[in-house]
Amino acid sequence: MITQALPLYNWNNGVIMIAIFALVCVTLVGILINFMMGGKKNNETQETDDTTSNL
């Protein structure tokens, strides 16, 4: 009877760690997509290269 009252393993710590890991992964993927979408366009870099090469 006493063995039925004692839990074999506490899952709370593992669930919290998995949730934090998932949150970190989603945040890093969001930052990566933000960097990919916010890069300079090819036309902008060519214009700056043209102006510096004329000096």
PDB file of N, CA and C in Angstrom:
ATOM      1  N   MET A   1       0.809  -1.192   0.000  1.00  0.00           N
ATOM      2  CA  MET A   1       0.000   0.000   0.000  1.00  0.00           C
ATOM      3  C   MET A   1       0.858   1.264   0.000  1.00  0.00           C
ATOM      4  N   ILE A   2       1.946   1.211   0.714  1.00  0.00           N
ATOM      5  CA  ILE A   2       2.815   2.399   0.735  1.00  0.00           C
ATOM      6  C   ILE A   2       3.477   2.606  -0.632  1.00  0.00           C
ATOM      7  N   THR A   3       3.739   1.556  -1.366  1.00  0.00           N
ATOM      8  CA  THR A   3       4.372   1.702  -2.680  1.00  0.00           C
ATOM      9  C   THR A   3       3.441   2.356  -3.695  1.00  0.00           C
ATOM     10  N   GLN A   4       2.150   2.268  -3.499  1.00  0.00           N
ATOM     11  CA  GLN A   4       1.210   2.912  -4.408  1.00  0.00           C
ATOM     12  C   GLN A   4       1.168   4.421  -4.184  1.00  0.00           C
ATOM     13  N   ALA A   5       1.487   4.891  -3.002  1.00  0.00           N
ATOM     14  CA  ALA A   5       1.440   6.309  -2.697  1.00  0.00           C
ATOM     15  C   ALA A   5       2.708   7.030  -3.164  1.00  0.00           C
ATOM     16  N   LEU A   6       3.809   6.315  -3.313  1.00  0.00           N
ATOM     17  CA  LEU A   6       5.062   6.940  -3.713  1.00  0.00           C
ATOM     18  C   LEU A   6       5.182   6.960  -5.239  1.00  0.00           C
ATOM     19  N   PRO A   7       5.405   8.107  -5.815  1.00  0.00           N
ATOM     20  CA  PRO A   7       5.610   8.149  -7.270  1.00  0.00           C
ATOM     21  C   PRO A   7       6.980   7.553  -7.630  1.00  0.00           C
ATOM     22  N   LEU A   8       7.026   6.891  -8.757  1.00  0.00           N
ATOM     23  CA  LEU A   8       8.283   6.284  -9.171  1.00  0.00           C
ATOM     24  C   LEU A   8       9.258   7.318  -9.720  1.00  0.00           C
ATOM     25  N   TYR A   9       8.741   8.331 -10.387  1.00  0.00           N
ATOM     26  CA  TYR A   9       9.613   9.349 -10.961  1.00  0.00           C
ATOM     27  C   TYR A   9       8.841  10.650 -11.063  1.00  0.00           C
ATOM     28  N   ASN A  10       9.497  11.762 -10.809  1.00  0.00           N
ATOM     29  CA  ASN A  10       8.885  13.075 -10.920  1.00  0.00           C
ATOM     30  C   ASN A  10       9.216  13.651 -12.300  1.00  0.00           C
ATOM     31  N   TRP A  11       8.211  13.870 -13.129  1.00  0.00           N
ATOM     32  CA  TRP A  11       8.412  14.330 -14.496  1.00  0.00           C
ATOM     33  C   TRP A  11       8.448  15.850 -14.615  1.00  0.00           C
ATOM     34  N   ASN A  12       8.179  16.569 -13.552  1.00  0.00           N
ATOM     35  CA  ASN A  12       8.063  18.023 -13.627  1.00  0.00           C
ATOM     36  C   ASN A  12       9.354  18.684 -14.110  1.00  0.00           C
ATOM     37  N   ASN A  13      10.498  18.269 -13.590  1.00  0.00           N
ATOM     38  CA  ASN A  13      11.764  18.881 -13.958  1.00  0.00           C
ATOM     39  C   ASN A  13      12.072  18.657 -15.439  1.00  0.00           C
ATOM     40  N   GLY A  14      11.849  17.469 -15.931  1.00  0.00           N
ATOM     41  CA  GLY A  14      12.119  17.177 -17.336  1.00  0.00           C
ATOM     42  C   GLY A  14      11.200  17.941 -18.275  1.00  0.00           C
ATOM     43  N   VAL A  15       9.948  18.073 -17.894  1.00  0.00           N
ATOM     44  CA  VAL A  15       8.990  18.810 -18.731  1.00  0.00           C
ATOM     45  C   VAL A  15       9.382  20.281 -18.800  1.00  0.00           C
ATOM     46  N   ILE A  16       9.800  20.852 -17.683  1.00  0.00           N
ATOM     47  CA  ILE A  16      10.221  22.259 -17.677  1.00  0.00           C
ATOM     48  C   ILE A  16      11.460  22.446 -18.539  1.00  0.00           C
ATOM     49  N   MET A  17      12.419  21.541 -18.456  1.00  0.00           N
ATOM     50  CA  MET A  17      13.641  21.653 -19.260  1.00  0.00           C
ATOM     51  C   MET A  17      13.344  21.528 -20.754  1.00  0.00           C
ATOM     52  N   ILE A  18      12.450  20.631 -21.121  1.00  0.00           N
ATOM     53  CA  ILE A  18      12.080  20.477 -22.527  1.00  0.00           C
ATOM     54  C   ILE A  18      11.364  21.731 -23.019  1.00  0.00           C
ATOM     55  N   ALA A  19      10.516  22.318 -22.206  1.00  0.00           N
ATOM     56  CA  ALA A  19       9.810  23.539 -22.597  1.00  0.00           C
ATOM     57  C   ALA A  19      10.781  24.699 -22.800  1.00  0.00           C
ATOM     58  N   ILE A  20      11.758  24.836 -21.918  1.00  0.00           N
ATOM     59  CA  ILE A  20      12.757  25.895 -22.071  1.00  0.00           C
ATOM     60  C   ILE A  20      13.596  25.655 -23.321  1.00  0.00           C
ATOM     61  N   PHE A  21      13.983  24.414 -23.588  1.00  0.00           N
ATOM     62  CA  PHE A  21      14.754  24.090 -24.780  1.00  0.00           C
ATOM     63  C   PHE A  21      13.966  24.403 -26.048  1.00  0.00           C
ATOM     64  N   ALA A  22      12.684  24.079 -26.061  1.00  0.00           N
ATOM     65  CA  ALA A  22      11.841  24.378 -27.225  1.00  0.00           C
ATOM     66  C   ALA A  22      11.713  25.882 -27.422  1.00  0.00           C
ATOM     67  N   LEU A  23      11.580  26.630 -26.344  1.00  0.00           N
ATOM     68  CA  LEU A  23      11.490  28.085 -26.439  1.00  0.00           C
ATOM     69  C   LEU A  23      12.779  28.683 -26.994  1.00  0.00           C
ATOM     70  N   VAL A  24      13.924  28.185 -26.563  1.00  0.00           N
ATOM     71  CA  VAL A  24      15.211  28.656 -27.081  1.00  0.00           C
ATOM     72  C   VAL A  24      15.341  28.326 -28.562  1.00  0.00           C
ATOM     73  N   CYS A  25      14.939  27.128 -28.974  1.00  0.00           N
ATOM     74  CA  CYS A  25      15.023  26.748 -30.382  1.00  0.00           C
ATOM     75  C   CYS A  25      14.134  27.624 -31.253  1.00  0.00           C
ATOM     76  N   VAL A  26      12.920  27.887 -30.810  1.00  0.00           N
ATOM     77  CA  VAL A  26      12.006  28.741 -31.582  1.00  0.00           C
ATOM     78  C   VAL A  26      12.564  30.155 -31.675  1.00  0.00           C
ATOM     79  N   THR A  27      13.152  30.654 -30.603  1.00  0.00           N
ATOM     80  CA  THR A  27      13.741  31.991 -30.616  1.00  0.00           C
ATOM     81  C   THR A  27      14.914  32.065 -31.586  1.00  0.00           C
ATOM     82  N   LEU A  28      15.779  31.068 -31.580  1.00  0.00           N
ATOM     83  CA  LEU A  28      16.929  31.074 -32.487  1.00  0.00           C
ATOM     84  C   LEU A  28      16.499  30.969 -33.942  1.00  0.00           C
ATOM     85  N   VAL A  29      15.490  30.176 -34.241  1.00  0.00           N
ATOM     86  CA  VAL A  29      14.981  30.079 -35.615  1.00  0.00           C
ATOM     87  C   VAL A  29      14.377  31.414 -36.033  1.00  0.00           C
ATOM     88  N   GLY A  30      13.667  32.083 -35.139  1.00  0.00           N
ATOM     89  CA  GLY A  30      13.106  33.397 -35.447  1.00  0.00           C
ATOM     90  C   GLY A  30      14.182  34.426 -35.729  1.00  0.00           C
ATOM     91  N   ILE A  31      15.256  34.422 -34.948  1.00  0.00           N
ATOM     92  CA  ILE A  31      16.370  35.341 -35.186  1.00  0.00           C
ATOM     93  C   ILE A  31      17.032  35.043 -36.522  1.00  0.00           C
ATOM     94  N   LEU A  32      17.194  33.768 -36.846  1.00  0.00           N
ATOM     95  CA  LEU A  32      17.804  33.385 -38.117  1.00  0.00           C
ATOM     96  C   LEU A  32      16.962  33.851 -39.302  1.00  0.00           C
ATOM     97  N   ILE A  33      15.659  33.668 -39.227  1.00  0.00           N
ATOM     98  CA  ILE A  33      14.770  34.113 -40.306  1.00  0.00           C
ATOM     99  C   ILE A  33      14.804  35.637 -40.414  1.00  0.00           C
ATOM    100  N   ASN A  34      14.881  36.314 -39.278  1.00  0.00           N
ATOM    101  CA  ASN A  34      14.961  37.780 -39.292  1.00  0.00           C
ATOM    102  C   ASN A  34      16.238  38.245 -39.992  1.00  0.00           C
ATOM    103  N   PHE A  35      17.365  37.595 -39.731  1.00  0.00           N
ATOM    104  CA  PHE A  35      18.607  37.952 -40.404  1.00  0.00           C
ATOM    105  C   PHE A  35      18.525  37.666 -41.899  1.00  0.00           C
ATOM    106  N   MET A  36      17.909  36.568 -42.274  1.00  0.00           N
ATOM    107  CA  MET A  36      17.816  36.221 -43.687  1.00  0.00           C
ATOM    108  C   MET A  36      16.933  37.200 -44.446  1.00  0.00           C
ATOM    109  N   MET A  37      15.850  37.646 -43.840  1.00  0.00           N
ATOM    110  CA  MET A  37      14.935  38.574 -44.510  1.00  0.00           C
ATOM    111  C   MET A  37      15.447  40.009 -44.493  1.00  0.00           C
ATOM    112  N   GLY A  38      16.293  40.355 -43.553  1.00  0.00           N
ATOM    113  CA  GLY A  38      16.716  41.739 -43.398  1.00  0.00           C
ATOM    114  C   GLY A  38      18.068  42.042 -44.000  1.00  0.00           C
ATOM    115  N   GLY A  39      18.619  41.156 -44.808  1.00  0.00           N
ATOM    116  CA  GLY A  39      19.924  41.396 -45.412  1.00  0.00           C
ATOM    117  C   GLY A  39      19.856  42.465 -46.486  1.00  0.00           C
ATOM    118  N   LYS A  40      21.039  42.956 -46.868  1.00  0.00           N
ATOM    119  CA  LYS A  40      21.094  43.975 -47.920  1.00  0.00           C
ATOM    120  C   LYS A  40      20.746  43.350 -49.267  1.00  0.00           C
ATOM    121  N   LYS A  41      20.106  44.152 -50.084  1.00  0.00           N
ATOM    122  CA  LYS A  41      19.778  43.696 -51.432  1.00  0.00           C
ATOM    123  C   LYS A  41      21.023  43.819 -52.325  1.00  0.00           C
ATOM    124  N   ASN A  42      21.049  43.078 -53.434  1.00  0.00           N
ATOM    125  CA  ASN A  42      22.202  43.118 -54.331  1.00  0.00           C
ATOM    126  C   ASN A  42      22.375  44.482 -54.977  1.00  0.00           C
ATOM    127  N   ASN A  43      21.283  45.171 -55.305  1.00  0.00           N
ATOM    128  CA  ASN A  43      21.374  46.481 -55.939  1.00  0.00           C
ATOM    129  C   ASN A  43      22.020  47.507 -55.017  1.00  0.00           C
ATOM    130  N   GLU A  44      21.727  47.452 -53.742  1.00  0.00           N
ATOM    131  CA  GLU A  44      22.303  48.395 -52.794  1.00  0.00           C
ATOM    132  C   GLU A  44      23.801  48.196 -52.669  1.00  0.00           C
ATOM    133  N   THR A  45      24.265  46.948 -52.629  1.00  0.00           N
ATOM    134  CA  THR A  45      25.695  46.697 -52.482  1.00  0.00           C
ATOM    135  C   THR A  45      26.443  47.082 -53.750  1.00  0.00           C
ATOM    136  N   GLN A  46      25.838  46.915 -54.917  1.00  0.00           N
ATOM    137  CA  GLN A  46      26.500  47.287 -56.166  1.00  0.00           C
ATOM    138  C   GLN A  46      26.638  48.797 -56.267  1.00  0.00           C
ATOM    139  N   GLU A  47      25.636  49.544 -55.816  1.00  0.00           N
ATOM    140  CA  GLU A  47      25.712  51.006 -55.868  1.00  0.00           C
ATOM    141  C   GLU A  47      26.807  51.516 -54.962  1.00  0.00           C
ATOM    142  N   THR A  48      26.961  50.954 -53.784  1.00  0.00           N
ATOM    143  CA  THR A  48      28.002  51.409 -52.883  1.00  0.00           C
ATOM    144  C   THR A  48      29.372  51.025 -53.413  1.00  0.00           C
ATOM    145  N   ASP A  49      29.489  49.865 -54.068  1.00  0.00           N
ATOM    146  CA  ASP A  49      30.763  49.449 -54.640  1.00  0.00           C
ATOM    147  C   ASP A  49      31.155  50.358 -55.803  1.00  0.00           C
ATOM    148  N   ASP A  50      30.178  50.780 -56.622  1.00  0.00           N
ATOM    149  CA  ASP A  50      30.451  51.666 -57.747  1.00  0.00           C
ATOM    150  C   ASP A  50      30.945  53.026 -57.280  1.00  0.00           C
ATOM    151  N   THR A  51      30.380  53.543 -56.215  1.00  0.00           N
ATOM    152  CA  THR A  51      30.774  54.865 -55.756  1.00  0.00           C
ATOM    153  C   THR A  51      32.150  54.839 -55.111  1.00  0.00           C
ATOM    154  N   THR A  52      32.515  53.755 -54.471  1.00  0.00           N
ATOM    155  CA  THR A  52      33.841  53.699 -53.843  1.00  0.00           C
ATOM    156  C   THR A  52      34.919  53.405 -54.865  1.00  0.00           C
ATOM    157  N   SER A  53      34.588  52.743 -55.961  1.00  0.00           N
ATOM    158  CA  SER A  53      35.615  52.417 -56.961  1.00  0.00           C
ATOM    159  C   SER A  53      35.954  53.632 -57.821  1.00  0.00           C
ATOM    160  N   ASN A  54      35.104  54.663 -57.844  1.00  0.00           N
ATOM    161  CA  ASN A  54      35.377  55.847 -58.635  1.00  0.00           C
ATOM    162  C   ASN A  54      36.372  56.770 -57.954  1.00  0.00           C
ATOM    163  N   LEU A  55      36.655  56.561 -56.682  1.00  0.00           N
ATOM    164  CA  LEU A  55      37.590  57.425 -55.965  1.00  0.00           C
ATOM    165  C   LEU A  55      38.944  57.116 -56.417  1.00  0.00           C
TER     166      LEU A  55
END
